[in-house]
Amino acid sequence: MAKKTQAEVADEAASKEFEIPESLPKAVDLYFTLRSKRLALEKKANETAEHESALRTHLIRTIPKSDMTGVAGKKARCSVTTKKVHQVSDWPTFYKMIRRNNAFELLGRRINEKAIKERIDSGKKVAGVKDVDVVVLHLSAIK
């Protein structure tokens, strides 16, 4: 399934039944309020994720040393296993293999925006890359 563009996501959200004030100043204030609320929730979620990560690390380090295959609490059971994952150890060789075998599906389809911008800003052309306009909404609190 193709990923939705920023415009498609915005159109979808706009078509839902949300409170949209008629007055633009009220719309800006509501946007600011909702954005602030979301950022506060994200901050709390990030703190929870840090706690979760610390517990994950603790369990991964401790369970194998306990000579148990796993541990169960009242809500969940946890075990530690290992699995093989693939990691590139020699990027030049890997890139040669990709080019030689036309195996570009082994790479993700994302560009490094910063590196592209640096090349273009230094006067170099980047084949296959074009500029597109993206709508950005800037918001700042009034004190």
N, C-alpha and C. Protein backbone atom coordinates (compact mmCIF):
# COMPACT_ATOMS: atom_id res chain seq x y z
N MET A 1 0.84 -1.18 0.00
CA MET A 1 0.00 0.00 0.00
C MET A 1 0.88 1.24 0.00
N ALA A 2 0.60 2.19 -0.86
CA ALA A 2 1.40 3.41 -0.98
C ALA A 2 1.20 4.30 0.24
N LYS A 3 2.28 4.95 0.63
CA LYS A 3 2.22 5.86 1.75
C LYS A 3 1.46 7.12 1.34
N LYS A 4 0.66 7.67 2.24
CA LYS A 4 -0.11 8.88 1.94
C LYS A 4 0.79 10.10 1.98
N THR A 5 0.50 11.05 1.11
CA THR A 5 1.25 12.29 1.12
C THR A 5 0.76 13.16 2.27
N GLN A 6 1.54 14.20 2.58
CA GLN A 6 1.17 15.13 3.64
C GLN A 6 -0.17 15.78 3.31
N ALA A 7 -0.40 16.10 2.06
CA ALA A 7 -1.66 16.73 1.65
C ALA A 7 -2.83 15.78 1.82
N GLU A 8 -2.65 14.50 1.49
CA GLU A 8 -3.72 13.51 1.65
C GLU A 8 -4.09 13.32 3.11
N VAL A 9 -3.09 13.29 3.97
CA VAL A 9 -3.35 13.15 5.40
C VAL A 9 -4.09 14.38 5.91
N ALA A 10 -3.67 15.56 5.48
CA ALA A 10 -4.32 16.80 5.90
C ALA A 10 -5.76 16.86 5.40
N ASP A 11 -6.00 16.45 4.15
CA ASP A 11 -7.36 16.44 3.60
C ASP A 11 -8.25 15.48 4.38
N GLU A 12 -7.71 14.31 4.74
CA GLU A 12 -8.47 13.32 5.49
C GLU A 12 -8.85 13.87 6.86
N ALA A 13 -7.89 14.49 7.53
CA ALA A 13 -8.15 15.05 8.86
C ALA A 13 -9.17 16.19 8.77
N ALA A 14 -9.07 17.01 7.71
CA ALA A 14 -9.98 18.14 7.55
C ALA A 14 -11.41 17.68 7.28
N SER A 15 -11.56 16.48 6.71
CA SER A 15 -12.90 15.99 6.37
C SER A 15 -13.63 15.42 7.58
N LYS A 16 -12.90 15.15 8.68
CA LYS A 16 -13.54 14.64 9.89
C LYS A 16 -14.27 15.79 10.58
N GLU A 17 -15.18 15.44 11.46
CA GLU A 17 -15.96 16.44 12.16
C GLU A 17 -15.20 16.94 13.39
N PHE A 18 -14.43 17.97 13.22
CA PHE A 18 -13.71 18.60 14.32
C PHE A 18 -14.24 20.01 14.49
N GLU A 19 -14.04 20.55 15.68
CA GLU A 19 -14.42 21.93 15.93
C GLU A 19 -13.47 22.84 15.16
N ILE A 20 -13.99 23.58 14.22
CA ILE A 20 -13.20 24.54 13.45
C ILE A 20 -13.88 25.90 13.61
N PRO A 21 -13.31 26.79 14.43
CA PRO A 21 -13.92 28.09 14.64
C PRO A 21 -13.99 28.90 13.33
N GLU A 22 -15.04 29.68 13.19
CA GLU A 22 -15.21 30.54 12.02
C GLU A 22 -14.13 31.62 11.99
N SER A 23 -13.84 32.16 13.16
CA SER A 23 -12.88 33.26 13.26
C SER A 23 -11.45 32.72 13.20
N LEU A 24 -10.61 33.31 12.35
CA LEU A 24 -9.21 32.87 12.23
C LEU A 24 -8.44 33.05 13.53
N PRO A 25 -8.59 34.19 14.26
CA PRO A 25 -7.87 34.30 15.54
C PRO A 25 -8.27 33.19 16.52
N LYS A 26 -9.55 32.82 16.57
CA LYS A 26 -9.98 31.73 17.45
C LYS A 26 -9.42 30.40 16.96
N ALA A 27 -9.32 30.23 15.65
CA ALA A 27 -8.75 28.99 15.10
C ALA A 27 -7.28 28.88 15.48
N VAL A 28 -6.55 30.00 15.43
CA VAL A 28 -5.13 30.00 15.82
C VAL A 28 -4.99 29.63 17.30
N ASP A 29 -5.83 30.24 18.14
CA ASP A 29 -5.75 29.96 19.57
C ASP A 29 -6.09 28.50 19.88
N LEU A 30 -7.12 27.96 19.22
CA LEU A 30 -7.47 26.56 19.42
C LEU A 30 -6.35 25.65 18.94
N TYR A 31 -5.76 25.99 17.80
CA TYR A 31 -4.63 25.21 17.27
C TYR A 31 -3.48 25.21 18.28
N PHE A 32 -3.19 26.39 18.83
CA PHE A 32 -2.11 26.51 19.82
C PHE A 32 -2.41 25.65 21.04
N THR A 33 -3.65 25.69 21.53
CA THR A 33 -4.06 24.92 22.69
C THR A 33 -3.93 23.42 22.43
N LEU A 34 -4.44 22.97 21.28
CA LEU A 34 -4.37 21.55 20.94
C LEU A 34 -2.92 21.09 20.77
N ARG A 35 -2.11 21.93 20.13
CA ARG A 35 -0.71 21.59 19.91
C ARG A 35 0.02 21.49 21.25
N SER A 36 -0.24 22.43 22.14
CA SER A 36 0.38 22.41 23.47
C SER A 36 -0.01 21.15 24.23
N LYS A 37 -1.28 20.79 24.13
CA LYS A 37 -1.78 19.59 24.80
C LYS A 37 -1.08 18.34 24.24
N ARG A 38 -0.95 18.27 22.89
CA ARG A 38 -0.28 17.12 22.26
C ARG A 38 1.18 17.05 22.68
N LEU A 39 1.86 18.20 22.70
CA LEU A 39 3.28 18.21 23.09
C LEU A 39 3.46 17.75 24.53
N ALA A 40 2.54 18.14 25.43
CA ALA A 40 2.61 17.70 26.83
C ALA A 40 2.42 16.18 26.91
N LEU A 41 1.48 15.66 26.12
CA LEU A 41 1.25 14.21 26.10
C LEU A 41 2.48 13.48 25.54
N GLU A 42 3.08 14.05 24.50
CA GLU A 42 4.28 13.44 23.92
C GLU A 42 5.43 13.43 24.93
N LYS A 43 5.55 14.52 25.71
CA LYS A 43 6.61 14.58 26.72
C LYS A 43 6.40 13.47 27.74
N LYS A 44 5.16 13.31 28.19
CA LYS A 44 4.84 12.25 29.15
C LYS A 44 5.11 10.88 28.52
N ALA A 45 4.73 10.72 27.25
CA ALA A 45 4.97 9.44 26.56
C ALA A 45 6.46 9.16 26.45
N ASN A 46 7.27 10.20 26.18
CA ASN A 46 8.72 10.02 26.08
C ASN A 46 9.31 9.61 27.43
N GLU A 47 8.80 10.22 28.52
CA GLU A 47 9.27 9.84 29.85
C GLU A 47 8.91 8.38 30.14
N THR A 48 7.70 7.99 29.77
CA THR A 48 7.27 6.60 29.96
C THR A 48 8.14 5.66 29.13
N ALA A 49 8.47 6.07 27.90
CA ALA A 49 9.31 5.24 27.03
C ALA A 49 10.71 5.07 27.63
N GLU A 50 11.24 6.13 28.25
CA GLU A 50 12.55 6.02 28.90
C GLU A 50 12.51 5.02 30.05
N HIS A 51 11.44 5.09 30.85
CA HIS A 51 11.27 4.15 31.97
C HIS A 51 11.15 2.73 31.43
N GLU A 52 10.33 2.57 30.39
CA GLU A 52 10.15 1.27 29.74
C GLU A 52 11.50 0.73 29.24
N SER A 53 12.29 1.59 28.62
CA SER A 53 13.59 1.19 28.09
C SER A 53 14.53 0.74 29.21
N ALA A 54 14.52 1.46 30.33
CA ALA A 54 15.37 1.09 31.46
C ALA A 54 14.97 -0.28 32.01
N LEU A 55 13.65 -0.53 32.10
CA LEU A 55 13.18 -1.83 32.57
C LEU A 55 13.54 -2.94 31.58
N ARG A 56 13.40 -2.65 30.29
CA ARG A 56 13.75 -3.62 29.25
C ARG A 56 15.22 -4.02 29.39
N THR A 57 16.09 -3.02 29.51
CA THR A 57 17.53 -3.28 29.66
C THR A 57 17.79 -4.11 30.91
N HIS A 58 17.14 -3.75 32.01
CA HIS A 58 17.30 -4.49 33.27
C HIS A 58 16.91 -5.95 33.10
N LEU A 59 15.76 -6.20 32.47
CA LEU A 59 15.29 -7.58 32.27
C LEU A 59 16.22 -8.36 31.36
N ILE A 60 16.67 -7.73 30.28
CA ILE A 60 17.58 -8.40 29.34
C ILE A 60 18.89 -8.77 30.03
N ARG A 61 19.37 -7.92 30.92
CA ARG A 61 20.63 -8.20 31.62
C ARG A 61 20.46 -9.20 32.76
N THR A 62 19.31 -9.17 33.41
CA THR A 62 19.13 -9.93 34.64
C THR A 62 18.56 -11.33 34.44
N ILE A 63 17.58 -11.51 33.58
CA ILE A 63 16.93 -12.82 33.43
C ILE A 63 17.92 -13.91 33.04
N PRO A 64 18.80 -13.71 32.04
CA PRO A 64 19.73 -14.80 31.70
C PRO A 64 20.66 -15.19 32.85
N LYS A 65 21.03 -14.23 33.69
CA LYS A 65 21.92 -14.52 34.82
C LYS A 65 21.21 -15.33 35.90
N SER A 66 19.88 -15.31 35.89
CA SER A 66 19.12 -15.99 36.94
C SER A 66 18.92 -17.47 36.66
N ASP A 67 19.40 -17.94 35.51
CA ASP A 67 19.24 -19.34 35.10
C ASP A 67 17.78 -19.75 34.93
N MET A 68 16.90 -18.78 34.75
CA MET A 68 15.49 -19.07 34.48
C MET A 68 15.24 -18.86 32.99
N THR A 69 14.26 -19.56 32.45
CA THR A 69 13.93 -19.37 31.04
C THR A 69 13.04 -18.14 30.84
N GLY A 70 12.45 -17.68 31.92
CA GLY A 70 11.60 -16.52 31.86
C GLY A 70 11.07 -16.20 33.24
N VAL A 71 10.33 -15.10 33.33
CA VAL A 71 9.76 -14.67 34.60
C VAL A 71 8.32 -14.25 34.34
N ALA A 72 7.43 -14.60 35.26
CA ALA A 72 6.03 -14.22 35.12
C ALA A 72 5.60 -13.37 36.30
N GLY A 73 4.89 -12.30 36.01
CA GLY A 73 4.26 -11.49 37.04
C GLY A 73 2.78 -11.83 37.05
N LYS A 74 1.94 -10.93 37.56
CA LYS A 74 0.50 -11.16 37.56
C LYS A 74 -0.12 -10.77 36.23
N LYS A 75 0.54 -9.89 35.48
CA LYS A 75 -0.02 -9.38 34.22
C LYS A 75 0.67 -9.91 32.97
N ALA A 76 1.90 -10.35 33.10
CA ALA A 76 2.64 -10.74 31.90
C ALA A 76 3.75 -11.72 32.22
N ARG A 77 4.22 -12.37 31.17
CA ARG A 77 5.36 -13.28 31.26
C ARG A 77 6.43 -12.73 30.32
N CYS A 78 7.69 -12.86 30.71
CA CYS A 78 8.79 -12.31 29.93
C CYS A 78 9.89 -13.36 29.81
N SER A 79 10.46 -13.46 28.62
CA SER A 79 11.61 -14.33 28.42
C SER A 79 12.59 -13.60 27.51
N VAL A 80 13.83 -14.04 27.55
CA VAL A 80 14.87 -13.42 26.74
C VAL A 80 15.42 -14.46 25.77
N THR A 81 15.41 -14.14 24.50
CA THR A 81 15.98 -15.01 23.47
C THR A 81 16.89 -14.18 22.58
N THR A 82 17.60 -14.84 21.71
CA THR A 82 18.40 -14.12 20.72
C THR A 82 17.92 -14.53 19.34
N LYS A 83 18.07 -13.64 18.39
CA LYS A 83 17.74 -13.96 17.00
C LYS A 83 18.77 -13.29 16.10
N LYS A 84 18.92 -13.86 14.94
CA LYS A 84 19.87 -13.33 13.98
C LYS A 84 19.23 -12.17 13.21
N VAL A 85 19.94 -11.06 13.09
CA VAL A 85 19.52 -9.95 12.24
C VAL A 85 20.66 -9.64 11.29
N HIS A 86 20.35 -8.99 10.22
CA HIS A 86 21.37 -8.69 9.21
C HIS A 86 21.86 -7.27 9.37
N GLN A 87 23.17 -7.11 9.33
CA GLN A 87 23.78 -5.81 9.51
C GLN A 87 24.92 -5.67 8.50
N VAL A 88 24.97 -4.54 7.83
CA VAL A 88 26.03 -4.32 6.83
C VAL A 88 27.34 -4.07 7.56
N SER A 89 28.37 -4.82 7.19
CA SER A 89 29.69 -4.64 7.81
C SER A 89 30.67 -3.95 6.86
N ASP A 90 30.34 -3.94 5.56
CA ASP A 90 31.22 -3.33 4.56
C ASP A 90 30.34 -2.63 3.53
N TRP A 91 30.05 -1.35 3.77
CA TRP A 91 29.13 -0.62 2.89
C TRP A 91 29.60 -0.54 1.44
N PRO A 92 30.87 -0.25 1.14
CA PRO A 92 31.27 -0.20 -0.27
C PRO A 92 31.01 -1.52 -1.00
N THR A 93 31.34 -2.64 -0.38
CA THR A 93 31.10 -3.94 -0.99
C THR A 93 29.61 -4.19 -1.16
N PHE A 94 28.84 -3.82 -0.14
CA PHE A 94 27.39 -3.98 -0.19
C PHE A 94 26.80 -3.16 -1.35
N TYR A 95 27.23 -1.91 -1.49
CA TYR A 95 26.73 -1.07 -2.59
C TYR A 95 27.10 -1.65 -3.95
N LYS A 96 28.33 -2.17 -4.09
CA LYS A 96 28.74 -2.79 -5.36
C LYS A 96 27.82 -3.96 -5.70
N MET A 97 27.53 -4.79 -4.70
CA MET A 97 26.66 -5.94 -4.93
C MET A 97 25.27 -5.48 -5.35
N ILE A 98 24.78 -4.43 -4.73
CA ILE A 98 23.45 -3.91 -5.09
C ILE A 98 23.44 -3.44 -6.55
N ARG A 99 24.45 -2.67 -6.93
CA ARG A 99 24.52 -2.16 -8.32
C ARG A 99 24.69 -3.31 -9.31
N ARG A 100 25.58 -4.24 -9.00
CA ARG A 100 25.86 -5.36 -9.89
C ARG A 100 24.63 -6.24 -10.11
N ASN A 101 23.82 -6.41 -9.08
CA ASN A 101 22.65 -7.30 -9.16
C ASN A 101 21.33 -6.56 -9.29
N ASN A 102 21.40 -5.24 -9.45
CA ASN A 102 20.20 -4.42 -9.54
C ASN A 102 19.25 -4.76 -8.37
N ALA A 103 19.82 -4.81 -7.17
CA ALA A 103 19.07 -5.25 -5.99
C ALA A 103 18.73 -4.07 -5.08
N PHE A 104 18.18 -3.02 -5.66
CA PHE A 104 17.90 -1.80 -4.90
C PHE A 104 16.79 -1.99 -3.87
N GLU A 105 16.06 -3.10 -3.95
CA GLU A 105 15.03 -3.37 -2.94
C GLU A 105 15.64 -3.62 -1.57
N LEU A 106 16.96 -3.83 -1.51
CA LEU A 106 17.64 -4.04 -0.24
C LEU A 106 17.84 -2.73 0.54
N LEU A 107 17.58 -1.62 -0.13
CA LEU A 107 17.74 -0.31 0.51
C LEU A 107 16.37 0.30 0.78
N GLY A 108 16.30 1.16 1.79
CA GLY A 108 15.08 1.92 2.05
C GLY A 108 14.97 3.06 1.04
N ARG A 109 13.77 3.61 0.87
CA ARG A 109 13.57 4.68 -0.10
C ARG A 109 13.46 6.02 0.59
N ARG A 110 14.50 6.40 1.27
CA ARG A 110 14.49 7.67 1.97
C ARG A 110 15.81 8.37 1.71
N ILE A 111 15.73 9.66 1.46
CA ILE A 111 16.96 10.42 1.24
C ILE A 111 17.37 11.12 2.53
N ASN A 112 18.62 11.46 2.61
CA ASN A 112 19.14 12.24 3.73
C ASN A 112 18.97 13.70 3.34
N GLU A 113 17.89 14.33 3.83
CA GLU A 113 17.56 15.72 3.47
C GLU A 113 18.73 16.66 3.70
N LYS A 114 19.39 16.51 4.85
CA LYS A 114 20.49 17.42 5.20
C LYS A 114 21.65 17.29 4.20
N ALA A 115 22.02 16.06 3.85
CA ALA A 115 23.12 15.83 2.92
C ALA A 115 22.77 16.36 1.53
N ILE A 116 21.52 16.15 1.09
CA ILE A 116 21.09 16.65 -0.22
C ILE A 116 21.17 18.17 -0.23
N LYS A 117 20.66 18.81 0.82
CA LYS A 117 20.67 20.28 0.91
C LYS A 117 22.11 20.81 0.88
N GLU A 118 23.01 20.15 1.62
CA GLU A 118 24.41 20.58 1.64
C GLU A 118 25.03 20.51 0.24
N ARG A 119 24.74 19.45 -0.50
CA ARG A 119 25.28 19.33 -1.86
C ARG A 119 24.74 20.42 -2.77
N ILE A 120 23.44 20.61 -2.71
CA ILE A 120 22.82 21.63 -3.57
C ILE A 120 23.32 23.02 -3.20
N ASP A 121 23.41 23.30 -1.88
CA ASP A 121 23.90 24.60 -1.42
C ASP A 121 25.34 24.86 -1.84
N SER A 122 26.13 23.79 -2.01
CA SER A 122 27.52 23.96 -2.43
C SER A 122 27.66 24.03 -3.95
N GLY A 123 26.50 24.02 -4.66
CA GLY A 123 26.52 24.19 -6.11
C GLY A 123 26.55 22.89 -6.89
N LYS A 124 26.52 21.77 -6.22
CA LYS A 124 26.51 20.48 -6.93
C LYS A 124 25.09 20.10 -7.31
N LYS A 125 24.97 19.41 -8.43
CA LYS A 125 23.67 18.90 -8.84
C LYS A 125 23.49 17.49 -8.28
N VAL A 126 22.25 17.16 -7.96
CA VAL A 126 21.94 15.83 -7.46
C VAL A 126 20.93 15.23 -8.43
N ALA A 127 21.41 14.33 -9.27
CA ALA A 127 20.56 13.73 -10.31
C ALA A 127 19.39 12.98 -9.69
N GLY A 128 18.23 13.15 -10.29
CA GLY A 128 17.04 12.42 -9.85
C GLY A 128 16.32 13.05 -8.67
N VAL A 129 16.78 14.20 -8.23
CA VAL A 129 16.15 14.88 -7.09
C VAL A 129 15.59 16.21 -7.58
N LYS A 130 14.35 16.49 -7.17
CA LYS A 130 13.75 17.77 -7.56
C LYS A 130 13.25 18.47 -6.30
N ASP A 131 13.08 19.77 -6.41
CA ASP A 131 12.54 20.56 -5.31
C ASP A 131 11.03 20.53 -5.38
N VAL A 132 10.39 20.36 -4.25
CA VAL A 132 8.93 20.44 -4.15
C VAL A 132 8.60 21.37 -3.00
N ASP A 133 7.52 22.11 -3.14
CA ASP A 133 7.08 23.01 -2.09
C ASP A 133 6.22 22.23 -1.10
N VAL A 134 6.54 22.39 0.18
CA VAL A 134 5.78 21.76 1.25
C VAL A 134 5.22 22.89 2.11
N VAL A 135 3.94 22.84 2.41
CA VAL A 135 3.31 23.87 3.20
C VAL A 135 3.70 23.67 4.67
N VAL A 136 4.18 24.74 5.31
CA VAL A 136 4.60 24.71 6.69
C VAL A 136 3.83 25.78 7.45
N LEU A 137 3.27 25.42 8.59
CA LEU A 137 2.56 26.36 9.44
C LEU A 137 3.46 26.70 10.61
N HIS A 138 3.78 27.98 10.77
CA HIS A 138 4.62 28.42 11.88
C HIS A 138 3.72 28.95 12.99
N LEU A 139 4.05 28.63 14.23
CA LEU A 139 3.23 29.02 15.36
C LEU A 139 4.13 29.49 16.48
N SER A 140 3.81 30.62 17.08
CA SER A 140 4.56 31.08 18.24
C SER A 140 3.60 31.68 19.25
N ALA A 141 3.90 31.48 20.50
CA ALA A 141 3.03 31.98 21.58
C ALA A 141 3.16 33.48 21.68
N ILE A 142 2.06 34.12 22.00
CA ILE A 142 2.07 35.56 22.25
C ILE A 142 2.14 35.75 23.75
N LYS A 143 3.15 36.49 24.19
CA LYS A 143 3.33 36.66 25.65
C LYS A 143 2.78 37.98 26.10
